[in-house]
N, C-alpha and C. Protein backbone atom coordinates (compact mmCIF):
# COMPACT_ATOMS: atom_id res chain seq x y z
N MET A 1 -19.32 7.47 3.34
CA MET A 1 -19.77 6.18 2.58
C MET A 1 -18.47 6.00 1.78
N SER A 2 -18.48 4.55 1.74
CA SER A 2 -17.26 3.78 1.04
C SER A 2 -17.70 2.74 0.07
N GLN A 3 -16.76 2.41 -0.87
CA GLN A 3 -17.04 1.43 -1.89
C GLN A 3 -15.97 0.21 -1.48
N LYS A 4 -16.28 -0.88 -2.21
CA LYS A 4 -15.54 -2.08 -2.03
C LYS A 4 -14.87 -2.38 -3.10
N PHE A 5 -13.47 -2.73 -2.95
CA PHE A 5 -12.59 -3.29 -4.20
C PHE A 5 -12.21 -4.59 -3.56
N GLU A 6 -12.50 -5.62 -4.66
CA GLU A 6 -12.07 -6.74 -4.42
C GLU A 6 -10.86 -7.50 -5.41
N GLY A 7 -9.81 -7.81 -4.81
CA GLY A 7 -8.70 -8.33 -5.67
C GLY A 7 -8.81 -9.89 -5.66
N SER A 8 -7.78 -10.53 -6.04
CA SER A 8 -7.86 -11.93 -6.24
C SER A 8 -7.95 -12.67 -4.84
N PHE A 9 -7.35 -12.09 -3.81
CA PHE A 9 -7.23 -12.63 -2.57
C PHE A 9 -7.46 -11.68 -1.43
N PHE A 10 -7.91 -10.59 -1.67
CA PHE A 10 -8.11 -9.56 -0.61
C PHE A 10 -9.09 -8.56 -1.10
N SER A 11 -9.64 -7.78 0.06
CA SER A 11 -10.54 -6.70 -0.36
C SER A 11 -10.25 -5.40 0.54
N ILE A 12 -10.72 -4.23 0.04
CA ILE A 12 -10.39 -3.08 0.91
C ILE A 12 -11.71 -2.30 0.71
N GLN A 13 -11.92 -1.42 1.59
CA GLN A 13 -13.11 -0.12 1.40
C GLN A 13 -12.25 1.07 1.22
N TYR A 14 -12.93 1.86 0.26
CA TYR A 14 -12.27 3.14 -0.12
C TYR A 14 -13.33 4.15 -0.25
N PRO A 15 -12.98 5.50 0.02
CA PRO A 15 -14.05 6.49 -0.03
C PRO A 15 -14.66 6.64 -1.45
N GLU A 16 -15.98 6.76 -1.40
CA GLU A 16 -16.52 6.89 -2.67
C GLU A 16 -16.28 8.14 -3.60
N THR A 17 -15.47 9.13 -2.81
CA THR A 17 -14.93 10.17 -3.48
C THR A 17 -13.80 9.99 -4.53
N TRP A 18 -13.19 8.83 -4.10
CA TRP A 18 -11.95 8.36 -4.91
C TRP A 18 -12.43 7.84 -6.30
N ASP A 19 -11.73 8.06 -7.22
CA ASP A 19 -12.00 7.23 -8.65
C ASP A 19 -11.05 6.13 -8.61
N LEU A 20 -11.39 5.00 -9.50
CA LEU A 20 -10.62 3.76 -9.66
C LEU A 20 -10.45 3.53 -11.08
N GLU A 21 -9.09 3.24 -11.32
CA GLU A 21 -8.94 2.89 -12.74
C GLU A 21 -7.94 1.63 -12.51
N ILE A 22 -8.18 0.55 -13.36
CA ILE A 22 -7.20 -0.52 -13.38
C ILE A 22 -6.27 -0.22 -14.42
N ILE A 23 -4.91 -0.24 -14.41
CA ILE A 23 -3.79 0.25 -15.04
C ILE A 23 -2.77 -0.88 -15.13
N GLU A 24 -2.78 -1.67 -16.16
CA GLU A 24 -1.90 -2.93 -16.26
C GLU A 24 -2.11 -3.88 -15.24
N ASN A 25 -3.41 -4.13 -14.81
CA ASN A 25 -3.82 -5.07 -13.85
C ASN A 25 -3.63 -4.58 -12.24
N VAL A 26 -3.21 -3.14 -12.18
CA VAL A 26 -2.95 -2.62 -10.95
C VAL A 26 -3.87 -1.72 -10.60
N PRO A 27 -4.84 -1.91 -9.50
CA PRO A 27 -5.79 -0.79 -9.15
C PRO A 27 -5.06 0.42 -8.60
N CYS A 28 -5.60 1.48 -9.38
CA CYS A 28 -5.17 2.92 -9.04
C CYS A 28 -6.15 3.74 -8.53
N PHE A 29 -6.14 4.16 -7.25
CA PHE A 29 -7.19 5.06 -6.75
C PHE A 29 -6.75 6.49 -6.58
N TYR A 30 -7.62 7.45 -6.94
CA TYR A 30 -7.18 8.70 -7.16
C TYR A 30 -8.22 9.82 -7.02
N ASP A 31 -7.81 10.90 -6.69
CA ASP A 31 -9.00 12.19 -6.89
C ASP A 31 -8.39 12.92 -8.12
N PRO A 32 -9.38 13.02 -9.28
CA PRO A 32 -8.86 13.70 -10.41
C PRO A 32 -8.54 15.17 -10.26
N ASP A 33 -9.01 15.58 -9.19
CA ASP A 33 -8.73 17.13 -8.87
C ASP A 33 -7.54 17.34 -8.16
N SER A 34 -6.81 16.28 -7.65
CA SER A 34 -5.56 16.61 -7.16
C SER A 34 -4.42 15.77 -7.71
N GLY A 35 -3.36 15.87 -6.99
CA GLY A 35 -2.14 15.39 -7.68
C GLY A 35 -1.66 14.03 -7.03
N TRP A 36 -2.70 13.28 -6.55
CA TRP A 36 -1.96 12.08 -5.77
C TRP A 36 -2.70 10.83 -6.29
N ALA A 37 -2.04 9.57 -6.17
CA ALA A 37 -2.59 8.35 -6.56
C ALA A 37 -2.22 7.24 -5.57
N LEU A 38 -3.09 6.17 -5.33
CA LEU A 38 -2.79 5.22 -4.51
C LEU A 38 -2.69 3.93 -5.33
N GLN A 39 -1.62 3.02 -5.45
CA GLN A 39 -1.79 1.83 -6.26
C GLN A 39 -1.57 0.80 -5.33
N ILE A 40 -2.14 -0.46 -5.76
CA ILE A 40 -2.25 -1.72 -4.79
C ILE A 40 -1.73 -2.71 -5.84
N ALA A 41 -0.56 -3.38 -5.47
CA ALA A 41 -0.19 -4.60 -5.99
C ALA A 41 -0.17 -5.85 -5.25
N SER A 42 -0.32 -6.91 -5.73
CA SER A 42 -0.51 -8.24 -4.92
C SER A 42 0.29 -9.24 -5.57
N SER A 43 0.72 -10.14 -4.68
CA SER A 43 1.42 -11.31 -5.17
C SER A 43 1.38 -12.52 -4.25
N ARG A 44 1.55 -13.60 -4.69
CA ARG A 44 1.69 -14.99 -3.92
C ARG A 44 3.19 -15.27 -4.00
N SER A 45 3.51 -15.93 -2.88
CA SER A 45 4.96 -16.51 -2.90
C SER A 45 4.88 -17.95 -2.37
N PRO A 46 5.81 -18.95 -3.07
CA PRO A 46 5.79 -20.21 -2.78
C PRO A 46 6.89 -20.33 -1.40
N PHE A 47 7.33 -19.12 -1.07
CA PHE A 47 8.39 -19.04 0.17
C PHE A 47 7.61 -18.13 1.18
N SER A 48 8.36 -18.23 2.53
CA SER A 48 7.65 -17.32 3.50
C SER A 48 8.26 -15.99 3.09
N ILE A 49 7.59 -14.90 3.54
CA ILE A 49 7.72 -13.64 3.06
C ILE A 49 8.43 -12.78 4.26
N ASP A 50 9.56 -12.24 3.82
CA ASP A 50 10.24 -11.38 4.90
C ASP A 50 9.98 -9.88 4.34
N LEU A 51 9.22 -9.18 5.15
CA LEU A 51 8.66 -7.87 4.68
C LEU A 51 9.90 -6.81 4.76
N LEU A 52 10.93 -7.08 5.60
CA LEU A 52 12.09 -6.05 5.49
C LEU A 52 12.67 -6.31 4.37
N SER A 53 13.02 -7.49 3.95
CA SER A 53 13.83 -7.70 2.65
C SER A 53 13.04 -7.17 1.51
N GLU A 54 11.79 -7.41 1.45
CA GLU A 54 10.93 -6.88 0.36
C GLU A 54 10.97 -5.36 0.11
N ILE A 55 10.71 -4.77 1.45
CA ILE A 55 10.85 -3.30 1.18
C ILE A 55 12.26 -2.83 0.83
N GLU A 56 13.29 -3.41 1.29
CA GLU A 56 14.81 -2.98 1.01
C GLU A 56 14.82 -3.32 -0.48
N ASN A 57 14.42 -4.49 -1.08
CA ASN A 57 14.48 -4.89 -2.42
C ASN A 57 13.74 -3.70 -3.26
N TYR A 58 12.62 -3.38 -2.88
CA TYR A 58 11.72 -2.43 -3.63
C TYR A 58 12.59 -1.05 -3.68
N MET A 59 13.02 -0.54 -2.45
CA MET A 59 13.81 0.72 -2.42
C MET A 59 14.82 0.71 -3.42
N ILE A 60 15.79 -0.38 -3.29
CA ILE A 60 16.77 -0.42 -3.96
C ILE A 60 16.46 -0.42 -5.75
N ARG A 61 15.59 -1.13 -5.99
CA ARG A 61 15.12 -1.18 -7.41
C ARG A 61 14.57 0.21 -7.77
N GLN A 62 14.05 0.97 -6.84
CA GLN A 62 13.53 2.37 -7.34
C GLN A 62 14.95 3.24 -7.32
N GLY A 63 16.15 2.92 -7.06
CA GLY A 63 17.40 3.73 -6.89
C GLY A 63 17.45 4.48 -5.71
N LEU A 64 16.79 3.96 -4.58
CA LEU A 64 16.76 4.80 -3.34
C LEU A 64 17.80 4.04 -2.30
N SER A 65 18.49 4.97 -1.47
CA SER A 65 19.21 4.31 -0.47
C SER A 65 18.27 3.63 0.66
N PHE A 66 18.57 2.52 1.04
CA PHE A 66 17.84 1.82 1.99
C PHE A 66 18.32 2.10 3.47
N ASP A 67 17.49 2.64 4.16
CA ASP A 67 17.75 2.88 5.65
C ASP A 67 16.80 2.27 6.54
N GLU A 68 17.31 1.22 7.26
CA GLU A 68 16.43 0.36 8.02
C GLU A 68 15.65 1.21 9.23
N GLU A 69 16.13 2.32 9.55
CA GLU A 69 15.63 3.05 10.54
C GLU A 69 14.57 3.94 10.10
N SER A 70 14.32 4.05 8.65
CA SER A 70 13.27 4.68 8.08
C SER A 70 12.21 3.88 7.75
N VAL A 71 12.28 2.65 8.15
CA VAL A 71 11.16 1.58 8.02
C VAL A 71 10.59 1.41 9.41
N VAL A 72 9.24 1.32 9.35
CA VAL A 72 8.37 1.05 10.58
C VAL A 72 7.69 -0.21 10.38
N PRO A 73 8.02 -1.21 11.12
CA PRO A 73 7.27 -2.45 11.12
C PRO A 73 6.09 -2.40 12.07
N TYR A 74 4.95 -3.09 11.70
CA TYR A 74 3.71 -2.92 12.67
C TYR A 74 2.94 -4.12 12.32
N GLU A 75 1.96 -4.20 13.18
CA GLU A 75 0.75 -5.39 12.74
C GLU A 75 -0.56 -4.59 12.39
N LEU A 76 -0.99 -5.10 11.32
CA LEU A 76 -2.39 -4.56 10.99
C LEU A 76 -3.51 -5.41 11.76
N SER A 77 -3.12 -6.73 12.06
CA SER A 77 -3.95 -7.46 13.05
C SER A 77 -2.80 -8.58 13.32
N PRO A 78 -3.12 -9.49 14.23
CA PRO A 78 -2.15 -10.38 14.74
C PRO A 78 -1.73 -11.20 13.62
N GLU A 79 -2.57 -11.59 12.55
CA GLU A 79 -2.23 -12.27 11.35
C GLU A 79 -1.61 -11.59 10.31
N ILE A 80 -1.62 -10.38 10.32
CA ILE A 80 -1.18 -9.56 9.19
C ILE A 80 0.02 -8.65 9.54
N GLN A 81 1.28 -9.02 9.18
CA GLN A 81 2.47 -8.14 9.65
C GLN A 81 2.55 -7.12 8.47
N ALA A 82 3.22 -6.10 8.89
CA ALA A 82 3.28 -4.81 7.80
C ALA A 82 4.48 -4.07 8.00
N VAL A 83 4.99 -3.40 7.03
CA VAL A 83 6.05 -2.43 7.27
C VAL A 83 5.85 -1.09 6.48
N ALA A 84 6.31 -0.11 6.76
CA ALA A 84 5.88 1.21 6.08
C ALA A 84 7.18 2.08 6.21
N SER A 85 7.18 3.05 4.98
CA SER A 85 8.31 4.01 4.88
C SER A 85 7.78 5.08 4.11
N GLU A 86 8.19 6.40 4.39
CA GLU A 86 7.99 7.37 3.61
C GLU A 86 9.29 8.01 3.15
N TYR A 87 9.37 8.62 1.80
CA TYR A 87 10.40 9.29 1.32
C TYR A 87 10.05 10.24 0.07
N TYR A 88 10.98 11.11 -0.20
CA TYR A 88 10.68 12.06 -1.51
C TYR A 88 11.77 11.67 -2.56
N VAL A 89 11.19 11.71 -3.59
CA VAL A 89 11.97 11.75 -4.87
C VAL A 89 11.49 12.73 -5.83
N ASP A 90 12.60 13.66 -6.39
CA ASP A 90 12.26 14.64 -7.21
C ASP A 90 11.07 15.56 -6.65
N ASN A 91 11.17 15.89 -5.34
CA ASN A 91 10.03 16.66 -4.89
C ASN A 91 8.74 16.14 -4.85
N ARG A 92 8.56 14.81 -4.81
CA ARG A 92 7.37 14.03 -4.57
C ARG A 92 7.33 13.10 -3.68
N PHE A 93 6.13 13.18 -2.75
CA PHE A 93 6.04 12.38 -1.56
C PHE A 93 5.73 10.95 -1.96
N TRP A 94 6.14 10.08 -1.28
CA TRP A 94 5.90 8.53 -1.66
C TRP A 94 5.75 7.82 0.00
N LEU A 95 4.76 7.11 -0.05
CA LEU A 95 4.48 6.39 1.15
C LEU A 95 4.20 4.83 0.66
N ILE A 96 4.95 4.07 1.14
CA ILE A 96 4.80 2.56 0.93
C ILE A 96 4.51 1.88 2.10
N ASN A 97 3.48 0.98 1.95
CA ASN A 97 3.11 0.03 3.03
C ASN A 97 2.94 -1.49 2.30
N MET A 98 3.67 -2.37 2.98
CA MET A 98 3.73 -3.84 2.61
C MET A 98 3.16 -4.65 3.86
N PHE A 99 2.27 -5.62 3.26
CA PHE A 99 1.62 -6.45 4.21
C PHE A 99 1.77 -7.88 3.76
N CYS A 100 1.76 -8.65 4.70
CA CYS A 100 1.85 -10.18 4.43
C CYS A 100 1.06 -10.96 5.32
N PHE A 101 0.31 -12.01 4.72
CA PHE A 101 -0.43 -12.83 5.28
C PHE A 101 -0.18 -14.26 4.75
N GLU A 102 0.32 -15.15 5.49
CA GLU A 102 0.72 -16.43 5.03
C GLU A 102 1.58 -16.25 3.80
N ASN A 103 1.32 -16.67 2.63
CA ASN A 103 2.24 -16.58 1.47
C ASN A 103 1.81 -15.38 0.41
N LYS A 104 1.05 -14.49 1.05
CA LYS A 104 0.41 -13.47 0.15
C LYS A 104 1.19 -12.13 0.57
N LEU A 105 1.33 -11.25 -0.36
CA LEU A 105 1.98 -10.00 -0.24
C LEU A 105 1.01 -9.04 -0.83
N ILE A 106 0.73 -7.74 -0.31
CA ILE A 106 0.01 -6.63 -0.60
C ILE A 106 0.91 -5.34 -0.43
N VAL A 107 1.01 -4.67 -1.63
CA VAL A 107 1.79 -3.35 -1.61
C VAL A 107 0.79 -2.23 -1.79
N PHE A 108 0.66 -1.17 -1.03
CA PHE A 108 -0.01 0.05 -1.02
C PHE A 108 1.34 1.06 -1.28
N LEU A 109 1.11 1.66 -2.57
CA LEU A 109 2.08 2.49 -2.90
C LEU A 109 1.29 3.93 -3.11
N PHE A 110 1.41 5.09 -2.31
CA PHE A 110 0.90 6.36 -2.29
C PHE A 110 1.93 7.33 -2.80
N ASN A 111 1.62 8.17 -3.75
CA ASN A 111 2.51 9.21 -4.10
C ASN A 111 1.72 10.56 -4.38
N SER A 112 2.21 11.66 -4.20
CA SER A 112 1.59 12.93 -4.34
C SER A 112 2.55 14.21 -4.64
N ASP A 113 2.09 15.15 -5.07
CA ASP A 113 2.73 16.46 -5.08
C ASP A 113 3.24 16.92 -3.89
N GLU A 114 2.67 16.66 -2.75
CA GLU A 114 3.07 17.12 -1.30
C GLU A 114 2.53 16.02 -0.30
N SER A 115 2.91 16.14 0.82
CA SER A 115 2.42 15.13 1.93
C SER A 115 0.96 15.35 2.13
N PRO A 116 0.17 14.28 2.24
CA PRO A 116 -1.15 14.21 2.44
C PRO A 116 -1.62 15.19 3.56
N ASP A 117 -2.72 16.08 3.39
CA ASP A 117 -3.25 16.60 4.55
C ASP A 117 -3.95 15.77 5.62
N ALA A 118 -4.21 16.35 6.57
CA ALA A 118 -4.95 15.46 7.73
C ALA A 118 -6.08 14.56 7.25
N GLU A 119 -7.12 15.10 6.39
CA GLU A 119 -8.14 14.34 5.90
C GLU A 119 -7.70 13.33 5.10
N LEU A 120 -6.85 13.48 4.20
CA LEU A 120 -6.52 12.48 3.18
C LEU A 120 -5.80 11.34 3.82
N ALA A 121 -4.86 11.72 4.72
CA ALA A 121 -4.10 10.80 5.52
C ALA A 121 -5.08 9.84 6.37
N ARG A 122 -6.22 10.42 6.98
CA ARG A 122 -7.14 9.49 7.72
C ARG A 122 -7.79 8.66 6.48
N GLU A 123 -8.18 9.18 5.42
CA GLU A 123 -8.73 8.34 4.60
C GLU A 123 -7.77 7.15 3.97
N ILE A 124 -6.68 7.43 3.70
CA ILE A 124 -5.53 6.28 3.42
C ILE A 124 -5.50 5.40 4.47
N ALA A 125 -5.50 5.81 5.85
CA ALA A 125 -5.29 4.94 6.98
C ALA A 125 -6.56 4.16 7.06
N ALA A 126 -7.69 4.59 6.85
CA ALA A 126 -9.09 3.74 6.88
C ALA A 126 -8.95 2.68 5.75
N CYS A 127 -8.39 3.15 4.53
CA CYS A 127 -8.28 2.25 3.52
C CYS A 127 -7.42 1.10 3.95
N ILE A 128 -6.47 1.28 4.39
CA ILE A 128 -5.41 0.29 4.95
C ILE A 128 -6.06 -0.57 6.00
N ARG A 129 -6.45 0.13 7.00
CA ARG A 129 -7.07 -0.68 8.09
C ARG A 129 -8.16 -1.60 7.57
N SER A 130 -8.93 -1.34 6.43
CA SER A 130 -9.78 -2.17 6.05
C SER A 130 -9.46 -3.46 5.23
N LEU A 131 -7.99 -3.50 5.13
CA LEU A 131 -7.78 -4.56 4.24
C LEU A 131 -8.13 -6.09 4.80
N GLN A 132 -8.72 -6.88 4.15
CA GLN A 132 -9.09 -8.13 4.47
C GLN A 132 -8.51 -9.16 3.47
N PHE A 133 -7.72 -10.24 3.95
CA PHE A 133 -7.19 -11.38 3.17
C PHE A 133 -8.29 -12.36 3.16
N TYR A 134 -8.61 -12.95 2.07
CA TYR A 134 -9.55 -14.05 1.80
C TYR A 134 -8.81 -15.36 2.23
N SER A 135 -9.43 -16.30 3.07
CA SER A 135 -8.96 -17.49 3.48
C SER A 135 -9.20 -18.45 2.23
N GLU A 136 -8.16 -19.24 2.34
CA GLU A 136 -7.99 -20.28 1.37
C GLU A 136 -8.56 -21.51 1.82
N GLU A 137 -9.70 -22.12 1.18
CA GLU A 137 -10.49 -23.08 1.49
C GLU A 137 -10.06 -24.31 0.92
């Protein structure tokens, strides 16, 4: 079973076993019995969005060296472009996925004490695949 979270211009489905807290207007999903969290940030831009530049800027702001070969571009759907990267900082696993649709940007940021096991990885992937952007009418 899953629950629905609705943001200002998007929605996702997430497992009912996950807890949700809004921290400084950022939804944070987690399991209180484990050491992981999934945060989702969203924004709009008056300009077109270049995902490779966005993820590069993010990584540089985090003090990480940017390696374009560590970034995987993909399509969530024909309308939704995406990039993803995994990295470790201070023995903590991080996964970032960025999505753009028109002038909208969504960032999924997962971090954990360790790499996610197969079940958690499936849950995260299902959550990501459920991403729906609302149309502007």
